Amino acid sequence: MDVILNALQSVLSMAVLTMLGYFLTLVIPIPSLMTKVFVIQSAMPVIAQSAIVAAAFGGDQYYATYMVTITSILSVVFIPAYMVLLNGV
């Protein structure tokens, strides 16, 4: 159950929160390039060093490794999709 919940959390972060950030850029007047960079940056996966730091400081290294893996896999789908969507901006 935790695996499904964590995967849904990752999808929520990469899909819903990234689109929320995009809609905020429509309200706040910023240049188009800055909007594209903001959206793509918010869809990036969890940094790999988080698992190393978790192991070094007694954190849950397995959970960190899992999140790195899941978000990396999801970013293969979401980042190109966002690039296609943003191409029309």
N, C-alpha and C. Protein backbone atom coordinates (compact mmCIF):
# COMPACT_ATOMS: atom_id res chain seq x y z
N MET A 1 0.82 -1.20 0.00
CA MET A 1 0.00 0.00 0.00
C MET A 1 0.87 1.27 0.00
N ASP A 2 1.98 1.21 0.74
CA ASP A 2 2.87 2.37 0.79
C ASP A 2 3.48 2.66 -0.58
N VAL A 3 3.75 1.60 -1.34
CA VAL A 3 4.34 1.77 -2.66
C VAL A 3 3.37 2.52 -3.56
N ILE A 4 2.11 2.14 -3.54
CA ILE A 4 1.09 2.81 -4.36
C ILE A 4 0.90 4.24 -3.91
N LEU A 5 0.87 4.47 -2.61
CA LEU A 5 0.70 5.82 -2.08
C LEU A 5 1.87 6.72 -2.46
N ASN A 6 3.08 6.20 -2.39
CA ASN A 6 4.26 6.98 -2.77
C ASN A 6 4.27 7.28 -4.26
N ALA A 7 3.86 6.31 -5.07
CA ALA A 7 3.80 6.54 -6.52
C ALA A 7 2.75 7.59 -6.85
N LEU A 8 1.61 7.54 -6.18
CA LEU A 8 0.58 8.56 -6.40
C LEU A 8 1.05 9.94 -5.96
N GLN A 9 1.80 9.99 -4.89
CA GLN A 9 2.36 11.26 -4.42
C GLN A 9 3.32 11.83 -5.46
N SER A 10 4.11 10.98 -6.07
CA SER A 10 5.05 11.43 -7.10
C SER A 10 4.32 11.93 -8.33
N VAL A 11 3.28 11.21 -8.73
CA VAL A 11 2.48 11.64 -9.89
C VAL A 11 1.81 12.97 -9.59
N LEU A 12 1.28 13.10 -8.39
CA LEU A 12 0.65 14.36 -7.99
C LEU A 12 1.65 15.51 -8.05
N SER A 13 2.83 15.28 -7.54
CA SER A 13 3.85 16.32 -7.55
C SER A 13 4.24 16.70 -8.97
N MET A 14 4.46 15.71 -9.83
CA MET A 14 4.93 16.00 -11.18
C MET A 14 3.82 16.52 -12.09
N ALA A 15 2.61 16.13 -11.85
CA ALA A 15 1.52 16.53 -12.75
C ALA A 15 0.77 17.75 -12.22
N VAL A 16 0.14 17.60 -11.09
CA VAL A 16 -0.75 18.64 -10.59
C VAL A 16 0.01 19.87 -10.11
N LEU A 17 1.03 19.67 -9.30
CA LEU A 17 1.75 20.82 -8.76
C LEU A 17 2.54 21.57 -9.84
N THR A 18 3.05 20.83 -10.82
CA THR A 18 3.75 21.50 -11.91
C THR A 18 2.78 22.34 -12.74
N MET A 19 1.59 21.80 -13.00
CA MET A 19 0.59 22.58 -13.75
C MET A 19 0.09 23.77 -12.93
N LEU A 20 -0.01 23.60 -11.63
CA LEU A 20 -0.37 24.73 -10.77
C LEU A 20 0.67 25.83 -10.88
N GLY A 21 1.93 25.44 -10.88
CA GLY A 21 3.01 26.42 -11.07
C GLY A 21 2.92 27.10 -12.41
N TYR A 22 2.56 26.35 -13.45
CA TYR A 22 2.40 26.94 -14.78
C TYR A 22 1.27 27.97 -14.78
N PHE A 23 0.15 27.62 -14.17
CA PHE A 23 -0.97 28.57 -14.13
C PHE A 23 -0.64 29.81 -13.32
N LEU A 24 0.21 29.67 -12.31
CA LEU A 24 0.67 30.85 -11.57
C LEU A 24 1.49 31.78 -12.46
N THR A 25 2.26 31.19 -13.39
CA THR A 25 3.04 32.03 -14.29
C THR A 25 2.17 32.77 -15.29
N LEU A 26 0.95 32.29 -15.48
CA LEU A 26 0.02 33.03 -16.34
C LEU A 26 -0.52 34.26 -15.63
N VAL A 27 -0.65 34.16 -14.32
CA VAL A 27 -1.16 35.29 -13.52
C VAL A 27 -0.06 36.31 -13.28
N ILE A 28 1.15 35.82 -12.99
CA ILE A 28 2.28 36.70 -12.74
C ILE A 28 3.01 36.92 -14.07
N PRO A 29 3.10 38.13 -14.53
CA PRO A 29 3.71 38.37 -15.84
C PRO A 29 5.24 38.17 -15.81
N ILE A 30 5.68 37.04 -16.38
CA ILE A 30 7.11 36.77 -16.50
C ILE A 30 7.39 36.36 -17.95
N PRO A 31 8.62 36.49 -18.41
CA PRO A 31 8.94 36.12 -19.79
C PRO A 31 8.68 34.64 -20.08
N SER A 32 8.46 34.35 -21.35
CA SER A 32 8.12 32.99 -21.78
C SER A 32 9.23 31.99 -21.44
N LEU A 33 10.47 32.37 -21.66
CA LEU A 33 11.58 31.47 -21.36
C LEU A 33 11.62 31.14 -19.88
N MET A 34 11.39 32.12 -19.05
CA MET A 34 11.39 31.90 -17.61
C MET A 34 10.25 30.95 -17.20
N THR A 35 9.10 31.07 -17.85
CA THR A 35 7.98 30.16 -17.60
C THR A 35 8.37 28.73 -17.94
N LYS A 36 9.00 28.56 -19.10
CA LYS A 36 9.40 27.22 -19.53
C LYS A 36 10.41 26.60 -18.57
N VAL A 37 11.38 27.38 -18.15
CA VAL A 37 12.40 26.89 -17.22
C VAL A 37 11.75 26.52 -15.88
N PHE A 38 10.85 27.34 -15.40
CA PHE A 38 10.17 27.09 -14.14
C PHE A 38 9.39 25.79 -14.18
N VAL A 39 8.65 25.56 -15.26
CA VAL A 39 7.84 24.35 -15.37
C VAL A 39 8.71 23.11 -15.48
N ILE A 40 9.73 23.14 -16.31
CA ILE A 40 10.60 21.97 -16.48
C ILE A 40 11.36 21.69 -15.18
N GLN A 41 11.83 22.71 -14.50
CA GLN A 41 12.54 22.51 -13.23
C GLN A 41 11.64 21.87 -12.18
N SER A 42 10.37 22.25 -12.16
CA SER A 42 9.47 21.69 -11.16
C SER A 42 9.10 20.24 -11.47
N ALA A 43 9.34 19.78 -12.69
CA ALA A 43 9.06 18.39 -13.06
C ALA A 43 10.29 17.49 -12.96
N MET A 44 11.40 18.03 -12.51
CA MET A 44 12.63 17.24 -12.41
C MET A 44 12.52 16.21 -11.29
N PRO A 45 13.24 15.09 -11.44
CA PRO A 45 13.19 14.05 -10.40
C PRO A 45 13.97 14.45 -9.14
N VAL A 46 13.76 13.66 -8.10
CA VAL A 46 14.48 13.87 -6.84
C VAL A 46 15.96 13.66 -7.09
N ILE A 47 16.79 14.50 -6.49
CA ILE A 47 18.23 14.42 -6.70
C ILE A 47 18.79 13.12 -6.10
N ALA A 48 19.70 12.49 -6.81
CA ALA A 48 20.23 11.19 -6.41
C ALA A 48 21.03 11.25 -5.11
N GLN A 49 21.62 12.38 -4.81
CA GLN A 49 22.41 12.50 -3.59
C GLN A 49 21.56 12.40 -2.32
N SER A 50 20.25 12.54 -2.45
CA SER A 50 19.40 12.45 -1.26
C SER A 50 19.49 11.06 -0.62
N ALA A 51 19.63 10.01 -1.44
CA ALA A 51 19.79 8.67 -0.88
C ALA A 51 21.13 8.52 -0.17
N ILE A 52 22.17 9.12 -0.72
CA ILE A 52 23.50 9.05 -0.11
C ILE A 52 23.51 9.80 1.22
N VAL A 53 22.91 10.97 1.24
CA VAL A 53 22.85 11.76 2.47
C VAL A 53 22.00 11.05 3.52
N ALA A 54 20.90 10.43 3.08
CA ALA A 54 20.05 9.70 4.03
C ALA A 54 20.83 8.55 4.67
N ALA A 55 21.62 7.84 3.88
CA ALA A 55 22.41 6.73 4.43
C ALA A 55 23.50 7.25 5.38
N ALA A 56 24.11 8.35 5.03
CA ALA A 56 25.21 8.89 5.84
C ALA A 56 24.74 9.42 7.19
N PHE A 57 23.51 9.93 7.23
CA PHE A 57 23.02 10.56 8.46
C PHE A 57 21.92 9.76 9.16
N GLY A 58 21.82 8.47 8.83
CA GLY A 58 20.89 7.61 9.55
C GLY A 58 19.44 7.74 9.13
N GLY A 59 19.19 8.29 7.97
CA GLY A 59 17.82 8.41 7.48
C GLY A 59 17.37 7.14 6.78
N ASP A 60 16.21 7.17 6.21
CA ASP A 60 15.65 6.01 5.51
C ASP A 60 16.18 5.99 4.08
N GLN A 61 17.31 5.35 3.89
CA GLN A 61 17.96 5.34 2.59
C GLN A 61 17.16 4.57 1.56
N TYR A 62 16.39 3.58 1.98
CA TYR A 62 15.59 2.80 1.04
C TYR A 62 14.43 3.62 0.48
N TYR A 63 13.80 4.40 1.33
CA TYR A 63 12.73 5.28 0.88
C TYR A 63 13.29 6.35 -0.08
N ALA A 64 14.44 6.90 0.27
CA ALA A 64 15.05 7.92 -0.59
C ALA A 64 15.41 7.32 -1.95
N THR A 65 15.96 6.11 -1.95
CA THR A 65 16.30 5.44 -3.20
C THR A 65 15.06 5.16 -4.01
N TYR A 66 14.00 4.74 -3.35
CA TYR A 66 12.73 4.48 -4.03
C TYR A 66 12.20 5.75 -4.69
N MET A 67 12.24 6.86 -3.98
CA MET A 67 11.72 8.11 -4.53
C MET A 67 12.58 8.60 -5.70
N VAL A 68 13.89 8.41 -5.62
CA VAL A 68 14.77 8.77 -6.74
C VAL A 68 14.39 7.94 -7.96
N THR A 69 14.17 6.65 -7.76
CA THR A 69 13.83 5.76 -8.87
C THR A 69 12.48 6.11 -9.48
N ILE A 70 11.47 6.26 -8.65
CA ILE A 70 10.11 6.55 -9.15
C ILE A 70 10.07 7.88 -9.88
N THR A 71 10.65 8.92 -9.29
CA THR A 71 10.58 10.23 -9.94
C THR A 71 11.42 10.28 -11.21
N SER A 72 12.49 9.49 -11.27
CA SER A 72 13.28 9.43 -12.50
C SER A 72 12.48 8.76 -13.62
N ILE A 73 11.78 7.69 -13.29
CA ILE A 73 10.95 7.01 -14.29
C ILE A 73 9.81 7.92 -14.75
N LEU A 74 9.16 8.58 -13.81
CA LEU A 74 8.06 9.47 -14.17
C LEU A 74 8.53 10.66 -14.99
N SER A 75 9.73 11.14 -14.73
CA SER A 75 10.22 12.30 -15.47
C SER A 75 10.45 11.98 -16.94
N VAL A 76 10.68 10.72 -17.26
CA VAL A 76 10.83 10.31 -18.66
C VAL A 76 9.53 10.56 -19.43
N VAL A 77 8.41 10.48 -18.73
CA VAL A 77 7.11 10.72 -19.36
C VAL A 77 6.72 12.19 -19.28
N PHE A 78 6.85 12.78 -18.09
CA PHE A 78 6.31 14.11 -17.86
C PHE A 78 7.13 15.23 -18.51
N ILE A 79 8.44 15.16 -18.47
CA ILE A 79 9.25 16.26 -19.00
C ILE A 79 9.05 16.43 -20.51
N PRO A 80 9.10 15.36 -21.33
CA PRO A 80 8.81 15.57 -22.75
C PRO A 80 7.39 16.07 -23.01
N ALA A 81 6.44 15.60 -22.21
CA ALA A 81 5.06 16.06 -22.37
C ALA A 81 4.95 17.56 -22.09
N TYR A 82 5.61 18.01 -21.03
CA TYR A 82 5.60 19.44 -20.73
C TYR A 82 6.32 20.25 -21.79
N MET A 83 7.38 19.69 -22.34
CA MET A 83 8.11 20.42 -23.40
C MET A 83 7.21 20.58 -24.63
N VAL A 84 6.44 19.57 -24.96
CA VAL A 84 5.50 19.67 -26.09
C VAL A 84 4.42 20.69 -25.78
N LEU A 85 3.88 20.65 -24.58
CA LEU A 85 2.82 21.60 -24.19
C LEU A 85 3.35 23.04 -24.17
N LEU A 86 4.56 23.22 -23.70
CA LEU A 86 5.13 24.56 -23.57
C LEU A 86 5.63 25.11 -24.91
N ASN A 87 5.77 24.27 -25.90
CA ASN A 87 6.26 24.72 -27.19
C ASN A 87 5.31 25.73 -27.82
N GLY A 88 4.03 25.65 -27.46
CA GLY A 88 3.05 26.59 -27.99
C GLY A 88 2.96 27.89 -27.20
N VAL A 89 3.69 27.99 -26.09
CA VAL A 89 3.60 29.18 -25.23
C VAL A 89 4.37 30.32 -25.87
